[in-house]
Amino acid sequence: MTICEHLAQADDPPARTPEGCEECLATGSGWVHLRRCLACGHVGCCDSSPNKHATRHFQGVGHPVIESFEPGENWRWCFVHAQMA
């Protein structure tokens, strides 16, 4: 299987908040795992977290690809095509 165009063309911007989920830090909320948007560098919490900010970021602005922002993990996910690389 070939990877989708979103995964193939994903950028690598710096994390906007390397210390954690942008929204959770602002509200004092917690998270489980972190994801970084490969269009703008937004760092959001995963869908196992109470607020699911990474998915909400995609739903709000349409940036299609995130990657794990966890040490030792090396994967990317395209929301549009539900495909991992």
N, C-alpha and C. Protein backbone atom coordinates (compact mmCIF):
# COMPACT_ATOMS: atom_id res chain seq x y z
N MET A 1 0.83 -1.17 0.00
CA MET A 1 0.00 0.00 0.00
C MET A 1 0.89 1.25 0.00
N THR A 2 0.55 2.20 -0.83
CA THR A 2 1.29 3.45 -0.86
C THR A 2 0.67 4.42 0.14
N ILE A 3 1.49 5.31 0.65
CA ILE A 3 0.96 6.28 1.61
C ILE A 3 0.26 7.41 0.87
N CYS A 4 -0.68 8.04 1.53
CA CYS A 4 -1.46 9.11 0.91
C CYS A 4 -0.59 10.35 0.69
N GLU A 5 -1.12 11.27 -0.11
CA GLU A 5 -0.37 12.49 -0.43
C GLU A 5 -0.13 13.37 0.80
N HIS A 6 -1.04 13.34 1.76
CA HIS A 6 -0.85 14.16 2.97
C HIS A 6 0.37 13.68 3.77
N LEU A 7 0.47 12.37 3.94
CA LEU A 7 1.62 11.82 4.67
C LEU A 7 2.92 12.03 3.88
N ALA A 8 2.85 11.85 2.57
CA ALA A 8 4.04 11.98 1.73
C ALA A 8 4.56 13.42 1.71
N GLN A 9 3.67 14.39 1.84
CA GLN A 9 4.06 15.80 1.73
C GLN A 9 4.08 16.53 3.07
N ALA A 10 3.96 15.81 4.17
CA ALA A 10 3.92 16.45 5.50
C ALA A 10 5.20 17.22 5.78
N ASP A 11 5.02 18.36 6.41
CA ASP A 11 6.14 19.22 6.78
C ASP A 11 6.71 18.76 8.13
N ASP A 12 7.64 19.53 8.69
CA ASP A 12 8.23 19.20 9.99
C ASP A 12 8.46 20.49 10.80
N PRO A 13 7.37 21.20 11.15
CA PRO A 13 7.53 22.46 11.88
C PRO A 13 7.92 22.21 13.33
N PRO A 14 8.56 23.18 13.96
CA PRO A 14 8.88 23.02 15.39
C PRO A 14 7.60 23.02 16.23
N ALA A 15 7.64 22.35 17.35
CA ALA A 15 6.50 22.31 18.27
C ALA A 15 6.27 23.70 18.85
N ARG A 16 5.02 24.14 18.83
CA ARG A 16 4.69 25.46 19.38
C ARG A 16 4.77 25.46 20.90
N THR A 17 4.47 24.35 21.54
CA THR A 17 4.57 24.22 23.00
C THR A 17 5.24 22.89 23.32
N PRO A 18 6.57 22.83 23.30
CA PRO A 18 7.26 21.56 23.51
C PRO A 18 7.04 20.97 24.90
N GLU A 19 6.50 21.75 25.84
CA GLU A 19 6.30 21.23 27.19
C GLU A 19 4.96 20.53 27.39
N GLY A 20 4.07 20.56 26.39
CA GLY A 20 2.81 19.85 26.54
C GLY A 20 1.72 20.36 25.62
N CYS A 21 0.50 19.85 25.86
CA CYS A 21 -0.67 20.23 25.06
C CYS A 21 -0.96 21.72 25.26
N GLU A 22 -1.05 22.42 24.15
CA GLU A 22 -1.26 23.86 24.16
C GLU A 22 -2.49 24.27 24.98
N GLU A 23 -3.63 23.66 24.67
CA GLU A 23 -4.88 24.02 25.34
C GLU A 23 -4.91 23.54 26.78
N CYS A 24 -4.41 22.34 27.04
CA CYS A 24 -4.40 21.82 28.42
C CYS A 24 -3.51 22.67 29.32
N LEU A 25 -2.38 23.11 28.80
CA LEU A 25 -1.51 23.98 29.59
C LEU A 25 -2.23 25.29 29.94
N ALA A 26 -3.00 25.81 28.99
CA ALA A 26 -3.72 27.07 29.21
C ALA A 26 -4.84 26.93 30.24
N THR A 27 -5.46 25.73 30.30
CA THR A 27 -6.59 25.54 31.20
C THR A 27 -6.25 24.77 32.47
N GLY A 28 -5.02 24.27 32.56
CA GLY A 28 -4.62 23.49 33.73
C GLY A 28 -5.12 22.05 33.70
N SER A 29 -5.49 21.58 32.54
CA SER A 29 -5.99 20.22 32.37
C SER A 29 -4.82 19.26 32.15
N GLY A 30 -5.08 17.97 32.26
CA GLY A 30 -4.04 16.96 32.03
C GLY A 30 -4.24 16.22 30.74
N TRP A 31 -3.27 15.42 30.35
CA TRP A 31 -3.34 14.65 29.11
C TRP A 31 -2.67 13.31 29.31
N VAL A 32 -2.89 12.41 28.33
CA VAL A 32 -2.30 11.07 28.36
C VAL A 32 -1.06 11.04 27.47
N HIS A 33 -1.23 11.33 26.17
CA HIS A 33 -0.13 11.37 25.21
C HIS A 33 -0.26 12.62 24.35
N LEU A 34 0.84 12.99 23.72
CA LEU A 34 0.86 14.22 22.92
C LEU A 34 1.04 13.91 21.43
N ARG A 35 0.46 14.78 20.61
CA ARG A 35 0.56 14.70 19.16
C ARG A 35 0.94 16.08 18.61
N ARG A 36 1.79 16.11 17.58
CA ARG A 36 2.20 17.37 16.97
C ARG A 36 1.65 17.47 15.56
N CYS A 37 1.03 18.59 15.24
CA CYS A 37 0.51 18.85 13.90
C CYS A 37 1.69 19.13 12.97
N LEU A 38 1.72 18.46 11.84
CA LEU A 38 2.83 18.64 10.91
C LEU A 38 2.59 19.74 9.90
N ALA A 39 1.53 20.51 10.08
CA ALA A 39 1.31 21.70 9.26
C ALA A 39 1.74 22.96 9.99
N CYS A 40 1.46 23.02 11.31
CA CYS A 40 1.73 24.27 12.04
C CYS A 40 2.49 24.11 13.35
N GLY A 41 2.73 22.87 13.80
CA GLY A 41 3.46 22.65 15.03
C GLY A 41 2.61 22.66 16.28
N HIS A 42 1.29 22.77 16.15
CA HIS A 42 0.39 22.71 17.32
C HIS A 42 0.63 21.39 18.05
N VAL A 43 0.76 21.44 19.36
CA VAL A 43 0.87 20.23 20.17
C VAL A 43 -0.45 20.06 20.92
N GLY A 44 -1.09 18.92 20.68
CA GLY A 44 -2.37 18.62 21.31
C GLY A 44 -2.35 17.25 21.94
N CYS A 45 -3.33 17.02 22.81
CA CYS A 45 -3.42 15.73 23.49
C CYS A 45 -4.17 14.72 22.62
N CYS A 46 -3.90 13.45 22.87
CA CYS A 46 -4.44 12.34 22.07
C CYS A 46 -5.91 12.08 22.41
N ASP A 47 -6.51 11.16 21.67
CA ASP A 47 -7.91 10.82 21.88
C ASP A 47 -8.15 10.01 23.15
N SER A 48 -7.11 9.52 23.80
CA SER A 48 -7.27 8.88 25.11
C SER A 48 -7.30 9.91 26.23
N SER A 49 -6.97 11.13 25.92
CA SER A 49 -6.99 12.24 26.88
C SER A 49 -8.42 12.78 26.97
N PRO A 50 -8.78 13.38 28.10
CA PRO A 50 -10.15 13.87 28.26
C PRO A 50 -10.59 14.89 27.20
N ASN A 51 -9.70 15.74 26.73
CA ASN A 51 -10.09 16.84 25.84
C ASN A 51 -9.82 16.61 24.35
N LYS A 52 -9.03 15.63 24.00
CA LYS A 52 -8.78 15.25 22.60
C LYS A 52 -8.41 16.45 21.72
N HIS A 53 -7.49 17.27 22.18
CA HIS A 53 -7.17 18.51 21.48
C HIS A 53 -6.51 18.31 20.12
N ALA A 54 -5.78 17.23 19.90
CA ALA A 54 -5.17 17.02 18.58
C ALA A 54 -6.26 16.81 17.52
N THR A 55 -7.25 15.99 17.83
CA THR A 55 -8.36 15.77 16.90
C THR A 55 -9.19 17.04 16.74
N ARG A 56 -9.41 17.75 17.83
CA ARG A 56 -10.17 19.01 17.74
C ARG A 56 -9.44 20.03 16.87
N HIS A 57 -8.12 20.03 16.94
CA HIS A 57 -7.34 20.93 16.08
C HIS A 57 -7.60 20.59 14.62
N PHE A 58 -7.53 19.31 14.26
CA PHE A 58 -7.83 18.90 12.89
C PHE A 58 -9.24 19.32 12.49
N GLN A 59 -10.22 19.06 13.34
CA GLN A 59 -11.61 19.41 13.02
C GLN A 59 -11.79 20.91 12.87
N GLY A 60 -11.03 21.70 13.61
CA GLY A 60 -11.17 23.15 13.55
C GLY A 60 -10.46 23.81 12.40
N VAL A 61 -9.26 23.33 12.08
CA VAL A 61 -8.47 24.01 11.05
C VAL A 61 -8.17 23.14 9.82
N GLY A 62 -8.41 21.84 9.92
CA GLY A 62 -8.25 20.97 8.76
C GLY A 62 -6.84 20.52 8.44
N HIS A 63 -5.89 20.74 9.33
CA HIS A 63 -4.53 20.24 9.07
C HIS A 63 -4.56 18.72 9.19
N PRO A 64 -4.19 17.99 8.13
CA PRO A 64 -4.49 16.57 8.05
C PRO A 64 -3.55 15.61 8.77
N VAL A 65 -2.30 16.00 9.05
CA VAL A 65 -1.34 15.02 9.56
C VAL A 65 -0.79 15.41 10.92
N ILE A 66 -0.79 14.43 11.83
CA ILE A 66 -0.14 14.58 13.13
C ILE A 66 0.92 13.50 13.24
N GLU A 67 1.82 13.70 14.19
CA GLU A 67 2.75 12.64 14.54
C GLU A 67 2.79 12.53 16.05
N SER A 68 3.21 11.36 16.52
CA SER A 68 3.36 11.19 17.96
C SER A 68 4.43 12.16 18.45
N PHE A 69 4.16 12.79 19.57
CA PHE A 69 5.13 13.69 20.19
C PHE A 69 5.62 13.07 21.50
N GLU A 70 5.66 11.74 21.50
CA GLU A 70 6.12 10.99 22.67
C GLU A 70 7.53 10.46 22.41
N PRO A 71 8.40 10.52 23.41
CA PRO A 71 9.75 9.99 23.25
C PRO A 71 9.72 8.51 22.85
N GLY A 72 10.52 8.17 21.87
CA GLY A 72 10.64 6.78 21.43
C GLY A 72 9.59 6.33 20.42
N GLU A 73 8.60 7.18 20.14
CA GLU A 73 7.59 6.82 19.14
C GLU A 73 7.87 7.55 17.85
N ASN A 74 7.67 6.86 16.72
CA ASN A 74 7.98 7.43 15.42
C ASN A 74 6.91 7.03 14.42
N TRP A 75 5.74 7.64 14.51
CA TRP A 75 4.66 7.36 13.57
C TRP A 75 3.90 8.63 13.26
N ARG A 76 3.22 8.61 12.11
CA ARG A 76 2.40 9.73 11.65
C ARG A 76 1.02 9.21 11.30
N TRP A 77 0.01 10.09 11.41
CA TRP A 77 -1.38 9.72 11.13
C TRP A 77 -2.03 10.78 10.27
N CYS A 78 -2.71 10.35 9.22
CA CYS A 78 -3.50 11.23 8.37
C CYS A 78 -4.97 11.09 8.76
N PHE A 79 -5.56 12.16 9.26
CA PHE A 79 -6.97 12.15 9.63
C PHE A 79 -7.86 11.95 8.40
N VAL A 80 -7.51 12.56 7.30
CA VAL A 80 -8.35 12.51 6.10
C VAL A 80 -8.50 11.09 5.57
N HIS A 81 -7.40 10.37 5.47
CA HIS A 81 -7.41 9.02 4.89
C HIS A 81 -7.34 7.91 5.93
N ALA A 82 -7.35 8.27 7.23
CA ALA A 82 -7.25 7.28 8.31
C ALA A 82 -6.11 6.30 8.02
N GLN A 83 -4.94 6.88 7.75
CA GLN A 83 -3.78 6.08 7.38
C GLN A 83 -2.59 6.44 8.25
N MET A 84 -1.84 5.42 8.64
CA MET A 84 -0.65 5.61 9.48
C MET A 84 0.60 5.33 8.66
N ALA A 85 1.64 6.05 8.99
CA ALA A 85 2.94 5.80 8.35
C ALA A 85 4.03 5.84 9.41
